[in-house]
N, C-alpha and C. Protein backbone atom coordinates (compact mmCIF):
# COMPACT_ATOMS: atom_id res chain seq x y z
N MET A 1 17.65 15.99 -16.30
CA MET A 1 17.42 17.32 -16.82
C MET A 1 18.11 18.32 -15.90
N VAL A 2 18.96 19.15 -16.47
CA VAL A 2 19.67 20.18 -15.71
C VAL A 2 18.99 21.52 -15.96
N ALA A 3 18.68 22.22 -14.88
CA ALA A 3 18.02 23.53 -15.00
C ALA A 3 19.01 24.57 -15.51
N LYS A 4 18.53 25.44 -16.36
CA LYS A 4 19.37 26.52 -16.88
C LYS A 4 19.48 27.66 -15.88
N GLU A 5 18.49 27.76 -15.02
CA GLU A 5 18.48 28.79 -13.98
C GLU A 5 18.27 28.10 -12.64
N PRO A 6 18.65 28.75 -11.55
CA PRO A 6 18.44 28.13 -10.23
C PRO A 6 16.96 27.78 -10.02
N VAL A 7 16.74 26.64 -9.39
CA VAL A 7 15.39 26.16 -9.13
C VAL A 7 15.07 26.40 -7.66
N GLU A 8 13.93 26.99 -7.41
CA GLU A 8 13.45 27.16 -6.05
C GLU A 8 13.07 25.78 -5.53
N ILE A 9 13.71 25.33 -4.48
CA ILE A 9 13.50 23.98 -3.96
C ILE A 9 12.03 23.71 -3.68
N GLY A 10 11.34 24.70 -3.13
CA GLY A 10 9.92 24.52 -2.82
C GLY A 10 9.07 24.25 -4.04
N SER A 11 9.56 24.59 -5.22
CA SER A 11 8.77 24.36 -6.44
C SER A 11 8.78 22.89 -6.85
N LEU A 12 9.59 22.07 -6.19
CA LEU A 12 9.67 20.65 -6.54
C LEU A 12 8.61 19.82 -5.83
N LEU A 13 7.92 20.43 -4.87
CA LEU A 13 6.89 19.74 -4.09
C LEU A 13 5.63 20.59 -4.07
N TYR A 14 4.48 19.96 -3.86
CA TYR A 14 3.24 20.72 -3.73
C TYR A 14 2.26 19.96 -2.85
N THR A 15 1.31 20.70 -2.33
CA THR A 15 0.22 20.12 -1.56
C THR A 15 -1.06 20.73 -2.07
N ARG A 16 -2.07 19.88 -2.27
CA ARG A 16 -3.38 20.37 -2.69
C ARG A 16 -4.42 19.77 -1.76
N GLU A 17 -5.18 20.63 -1.12
CA GLU A 17 -6.19 20.17 -0.17
C GLU A 17 -7.15 19.20 -0.86
N GLY A 18 -7.40 18.08 -0.18
CA GLY A 18 -8.33 17.10 -0.70
C GLY A 18 -7.69 16.10 -1.66
N PHE A 19 -6.46 16.32 -2.05
CA PHE A 19 -5.76 15.41 -2.96
C PHE A 19 -4.74 14.62 -2.16
N ARG A 20 -4.80 13.30 -2.24
CA ARG A 20 -3.90 12.41 -1.49
C ARG A 20 -3.93 12.72 0.00
N ASP A 21 -5.13 12.98 0.50
CA ASP A 21 -5.32 13.31 1.93
C ASP A 21 -4.50 14.53 2.36
N GLY A 22 -4.22 15.41 1.44
CA GLY A 22 -3.46 16.62 1.75
C GLY A 22 -1.97 16.38 1.94
N ARG A 23 -1.52 15.18 1.60
CA ARG A 23 -0.09 14.87 1.75
C ARG A 23 0.71 15.54 0.63
N PRO A 24 1.90 16.00 0.94
CA PRO A 24 2.71 16.65 -0.08
C PRO A 24 3.13 15.65 -1.17
N CYS A 25 3.18 16.16 -2.39
CA CYS A 25 3.52 15.35 -3.56
C CYS A 25 4.70 15.97 -4.30
N LEU A 26 5.30 15.18 -5.16
CA LEU A 26 6.35 15.65 -6.04
C LEU A 26 5.70 16.43 -7.18
N ALA A 27 6.16 17.64 -7.42
CA ALA A 27 5.58 18.51 -8.43
C ALA A 27 5.51 17.80 -9.78
N GLY A 28 4.38 18.00 -10.46
CA GLY A 28 4.19 17.41 -11.77
C GLY A 28 3.75 15.96 -11.73
N THR A 29 3.51 15.43 -10.53
CA THR A 29 3.10 14.04 -10.37
C THR A 29 2.04 13.97 -9.28
N GLY A 30 1.47 12.82 -9.11
CA GLY A 30 0.58 12.57 -7.98
C GLY A 30 1.26 11.73 -6.92
N MET A 31 2.57 11.57 -7.06
CA MET A 31 3.35 10.72 -6.15
C MET A 31 3.63 11.46 -4.84
N THR A 32 3.27 10.82 -3.74
CA THR A 32 3.46 11.48 -2.45
C THR A 32 4.89 11.33 -1.94
N ILE A 33 5.24 12.24 -1.08
CA ILE A 33 6.52 12.16 -0.38
C ILE A 33 6.57 10.88 0.43
N HIS A 34 5.41 10.44 0.91
CA HIS A 34 5.33 9.22 1.71
C HIS A 34 5.80 8.01 0.91
N THR A 35 5.51 7.98 -0.38
CA THR A 35 5.97 6.88 -1.23
C THR A 35 7.49 6.85 -1.28
N VAL A 36 8.09 8.01 -1.46
CA VAL A 36 9.55 8.10 -1.49
C VAL A 36 10.11 7.71 -0.13
N ALA A 37 9.50 8.21 0.94
CA ALA A 37 9.97 7.89 2.30
C ALA A 37 9.90 6.39 2.56
N ALA A 38 8.80 5.75 2.16
CA ALA A 38 8.65 4.31 2.40
C ALA A 38 9.75 3.53 1.69
N HIS A 39 10.06 3.92 0.47
CA HIS A 39 11.12 3.23 -0.26
C HIS A 39 12.49 3.49 0.36
N SER A 40 12.70 4.69 0.87
CA SER A 40 13.95 4.99 1.56
C SER A 40 14.07 4.14 2.82
N LEU A 41 12.96 4.01 3.55
CA LEU A 41 12.97 3.20 4.78
C LEU A 41 13.22 1.72 4.48
N MET A 42 12.90 1.29 3.25
CA MET A 42 13.19 -0.09 2.84
C MET A 42 14.64 -0.26 2.40
N GLY A 43 15.41 0.84 2.45
CA GLY A 43 16.83 0.76 2.15
C GLY A 43 17.24 1.18 0.76
N LEU A 44 16.29 1.67 -0.05
CA LEU A 44 16.64 2.09 -1.40
C LEU A 44 17.36 3.43 -1.37
N THR A 45 18.34 3.59 -2.23
CA THR A 45 19.02 4.87 -2.40
C THR A 45 18.16 5.77 -3.28
N PRO A 46 18.45 7.06 -3.32
CA PRO A 46 17.70 7.93 -4.23
C PRO A 46 17.75 7.44 -5.68
N GLU A 47 18.89 6.96 -6.11
CA GLU A 47 19.02 6.46 -7.48
C GLU A 47 18.16 5.22 -7.71
N GLU A 48 18.08 4.35 -6.70
CA GLU A 48 17.24 3.16 -6.82
C GLU A 48 15.75 3.52 -6.81
N ILE A 49 15.40 4.54 -6.04
CA ILE A 49 14.01 5.02 -6.05
C ILE A 49 13.69 5.55 -7.44
N LEU A 50 14.61 6.27 -8.02
CA LEU A 50 14.42 6.80 -9.37
C LEU A 50 14.23 5.67 -10.39
N GLU A 51 14.94 4.57 -10.22
CA GLU A 51 14.76 3.41 -11.10
C GLU A 51 13.34 2.85 -10.98
N GLN A 52 12.79 2.85 -9.77
CA GLN A 52 11.44 2.34 -9.55
C GLN A 52 10.37 3.28 -10.11
N PHE A 53 10.69 4.57 -10.16
CA PHE A 53 9.74 5.59 -10.60
C PHE A 53 10.41 6.50 -11.63
N PRO A 54 10.62 6.02 -12.85
CA PRO A 54 11.37 6.79 -13.84
C PRO A 54 10.65 8.06 -14.33
N HIS A 55 9.39 8.24 -13.95
CA HIS A 55 8.67 9.44 -14.38
C HIS A 55 9.02 10.66 -13.52
N VAL A 56 9.81 10.47 -12.47
CA VAL A 56 10.26 11.61 -11.65
C VAL A 56 11.75 11.83 -11.90
N ASP A 57 12.26 12.92 -11.41
CA ASP A 57 13.70 13.16 -11.56
C ASP A 57 14.38 13.16 -10.19
N LEU A 58 15.68 13.09 -10.24
CA LEU A 58 16.46 12.96 -9.01
C LEU A 58 16.29 14.16 -8.09
N ALA A 59 16.13 15.35 -8.65
CA ALA A 59 15.94 16.54 -7.81
C ALA A 59 14.67 16.42 -6.98
N ARG A 60 13.59 15.92 -7.57
CA ARG A 60 12.34 15.76 -6.83
C ARG A 60 12.47 14.66 -5.76
N VAL A 61 13.18 13.59 -6.08
CA VAL A 61 13.40 12.54 -5.09
C VAL A 61 14.17 13.11 -3.90
N HIS A 62 15.21 13.88 -4.16
CA HIS A 62 15.99 14.48 -3.06
C HIS A 62 15.15 15.49 -2.29
N ALA A 63 14.31 16.27 -2.97
CA ALA A 63 13.44 17.22 -2.27
C ALA A 63 12.47 16.47 -1.37
N ALA A 64 11.93 15.35 -1.86
CA ALA A 64 11.02 14.54 -1.04
C ALA A 64 11.74 13.98 0.17
N LEU A 65 12.96 13.52 -0.03
CA LEU A 65 13.74 12.99 1.10
C LEU A 65 14.08 14.09 2.10
N ALA A 66 14.38 15.28 1.61
CA ALA A 66 14.65 16.40 2.53
C ALA A 66 13.40 16.69 3.38
N TYR A 67 12.24 16.70 2.73
CA TYR A 67 10.99 16.92 3.47
C TYR A 67 10.80 15.81 4.49
N PHE A 68 11.02 14.57 4.07
CA PHE A 68 10.87 13.43 4.97
C PHE A 68 11.78 13.56 6.19
N PHE A 69 13.05 13.85 5.97
CA PHE A 69 13.98 13.94 7.09
C PHE A 69 13.67 15.12 8.00
N ALA A 70 13.13 16.19 7.44
CA ALA A 70 12.76 17.36 8.25
C ALA A 70 11.48 17.12 9.03
N ASN A 71 10.65 16.16 8.56
CA ASN A 71 9.35 15.90 9.18
C ASN A 71 9.18 14.41 9.47
N ARG A 72 10.25 13.78 9.85
CA ARG A 72 10.31 12.33 9.99
C ARG A 72 9.23 11.74 10.89
N ILE A 73 9.01 12.32 12.05
CA ILE A 73 8.04 11.77 13.01
C ILE A 73 6.64 11.78 12.40
N GLU A 74 6.25 12.88 11.78
CA GLU A 74 4.92 13.00 11.17
C GLU A 74 4.75 12.02 10.01
N VAL A 75 5.75 11.93 9.14
CA VAL A 75 5.64 11.06 7.97
C VAL A 75 5.59 9.59 8.40
N ILE A 76 6.43 9.20 9.35
CA ILE A 76 6.41 7.81 9.82
C ILE A 76 5.08 7.50 10.51
N ALA A 77 4.53 8.45 11.24
CA ALA A 77 3.23 8.24 11.87
C ALA A 77 2.15 8.03 10.81
N ASP A 78 2.21 8.79 9.73
CA ASP A 78 1.27 8.61 8.62
C ASP A 78 1.43 7.23 7.99
N LEU A 79 2.67 6.81 7.76
CA LEU A 79 2.92 5.49 7.17
C LEU A 79 2.42 4.38 8.09
N ASP A 80 2.64 4.53 9.38
CA ASP A 80 2.14 3.54 10.34
C ASP A 80 0.61 3.48 10.31
N ALA A 81 -0.03 4.64 10.22
CA ALA A 81 -1.49 4.69 10.15
C ALA A 81 -1.98 4.02 8.86
N ASP A 82 -1.24 4.16 7.78
CA ASP A 82 -1.60 3.50 6.52
C ASP A 82 -1.57 1.98 6.68
N VAL A 83 -0.57 1.47 7.38
CA VAL A 83 -0.47 0.03 7.60
C VAL A 83 -1.67 -0.46 8.42
N VAL A 84 -2.00 0.25 9.47
CA VAL A 84 -3.14 -0.12 10.32
C VAL A 84 -4.42 -0.10 9.49
N GLU A 85 -4.62 0.93 8.68
CA GLU A 85 -5.83 1.02 7.85
C GLU A 85 -5.86 -0.10 6.82
N GLY A 86 -4.72 -0.44 6.24
CA GLY A 86 -4.65 -1.54 5.28
C GLY A 86 -5.02 -2.86 5.93
N GLU A 87 -4.54 -3.08 7.14
CA GLU A 87 -4.88 -4.31 7.86
C GLU A 87 -6.37 -4.36 8.20
N ARG A 88 -6.92 -3.22 8.59
CA ARG A 88 -8.35 -3.15 8.90
C ARG A 88 -9.18 -3.47 7.66
N LEU A 89 -8.83 -2.86 6.54
CA LEU A 89 -9.57 -3.10 5.31
C LEU A 89 -9.44 -4.54 4.84
N SER A 90 -8.26 -5.11 5.01
CA SER A 90 -8.04 -6.50 4.62
C SER A 90 -8.95 -7.44 5.41
N LYS A 91 -9.08 -7.18 6.70
CA LYS A 91 -9.97 -8.00 7.54
C LYS A 91 -11.43 -7.79 7.15
N GLU A 92 -11.78 -6.54 6.89
CA GLU A 92 -13.17 -6.20 6.55
C GLU A 92 -13.57 -6.77 5.19
N LEU A 93 -12.69 -6.66 4.21
CA LEU A 93 -13.03 -7.04 2.84
C LEU A 93 -12.63 -8.47 2.48
N GLY A 94 -11.76 -9.07 3.27
CA GLY A 94 -11.31 -10.41 2.98
C GLY A 94 -10.21 -10.44 1.92
N PRO A 95 -9.78 -11.64 1.55
CA PRO A 95 -8.70 -11.75 0.58
C PRO A 95 -9.13 -11.26 -0.79
N PRO A 96 -8.19 -10.79 -1.59
CA PRO A 96 -8.54 -10.31 -2.94
C PRO A 96 -9.06 -11.46 -3.80
N ARG A 97 -9.97 -11.14 -4.67
CA ARG A 97 -10.51 -12.13 -5.59
C ARG A 97 -9.67 -12.16 -6.85
N PRO A 98 -9.58 -13.36 -7.47
CA PRO A 98 -8.83 -13.42 -8.73
C PRO A 98 -9.58 -12.63 -9.81
N PRO A 99 -8.85 -12.06 -10.75
CA PRO A 99 -9.51 -11.29 -11.82
C PRO A 99 -10.42 -12.19 -12.66
N LEU A 100 -11.47 -11.59 -13.18
CA LEU A 100 -12.35 -12.33 -14.08
C LEU A 100 -11.65 -12.56 -15.41
N ALA A 101 -11.79 -13.74 -15.92
CA ALA A 101 -11.13 -14.07 -17.19
C ALA A 101 -11.98 -13.74 -18.38
């Protein structure tokens, strides 16, 4: 989608207190910038990220990446904390159970 008028870059991202732990998201979605950053760190290009998440557009992916690169230390620290929390929960809750048939 091409905008007919210039788009304010800040309008492509939003933060809402209490939603997604206050992490910034792509406007019009609940997808966090951290999700985009994690996929970028796995080596995906913006276009490949878009293929994984077709409900967003390339402008929002690039805005998320710009935020990530401008705040790299904070975002990576958050991602690292997510891994630690996931490992803690996995130990606490044990392996996942198969779905009921």
